[in-house]
Amino acid sequence: MAKKLTRKSIALILIIVALLLAGGGTGAWYFISHRKLPSPVPRVEATFAEPQYTVMIAWDAVEGAESYAVEYRYSLFEQDAVHRIDKVSDTYVMVARKRGVLQFRVRAFGKYAENMSDYGEWQTYYVEPLALNSLQTFNTTYVSERSFKIDADTFVPVTYNYKGETYTINWYEVRILAPGETDAPSDPISLTDIRSGFAFNVAERGEYVLEIRPVLYVYINGVKDYATLGLYEIYEPNTAYTRITVTV
């Protein structure tokens, strides 16, 4: 199907024809070779999770453009470091998905260097974080006076899918609220500790609340390491706590 000419295209053709009829062949060539292209206005067309974890940035074709360049940045993780994709022949690119604010802009290139457009204004899009599942409820087991443990037989660890594979969360954050408390310091606990019967000790007898949630990091020599699981840039880090009432 033939492409319909726009009013701008028709006007441009009439100008070129007029220059040629007037014997201005050189002038017509100069006009074409030095015509600055308009800046494309990009948008986020779609976001994808499993299995590719990408964001599609797209824009409308610019008449006279032979290729495009795209700049983008995620300020939450890279302190405004700008990534660039050159020589894009399509009117879209796929970039890695990360949570938070994504900014992007596009430049058009024509047949001649002088045709190159300016980069347009930075466009902004908020990429929603993905969420890990919360823990299912489980039972606790009496160990001794003022001491209890998680019943490993009823504890189902959180899993997640990433690029076609299923993984298990091995680290959790736990805190124990004494009667009347609404907050308490949190401590890490590994899935290995839970399965081996790690005991929680409390100061006195009473009804306590055990709060526990999966976390997106592991502990290496007592230090949080966000890179090991590879999820921190994609998932919401503050998963909801699962609350279990414990009487000792």
Foldseek 3Di string as FASTA:
>chain_A
DDDDDDPVRVVLVVVLVVCVVVVNPVVSVVCLQQAAWEWWDKDFPDADAPEPQKTKIFTDDTPQFQFKKKWKDACVPPVPDIDMDTGHRHGMDIGHHFFAKMWMWMWTDGPHNNHIYDTDDIDIDGRHFAAWDWWDDFDWADDDFQKIATDLVGGDFTWDDYNHDIDTQFKKKKDKADVPDDDDDIDMDTNVCRVVTPMDGDDHFAKMKMWMGGAQFDADPNDTDNPPNPRNRHHDGDHGIDIDIDGD
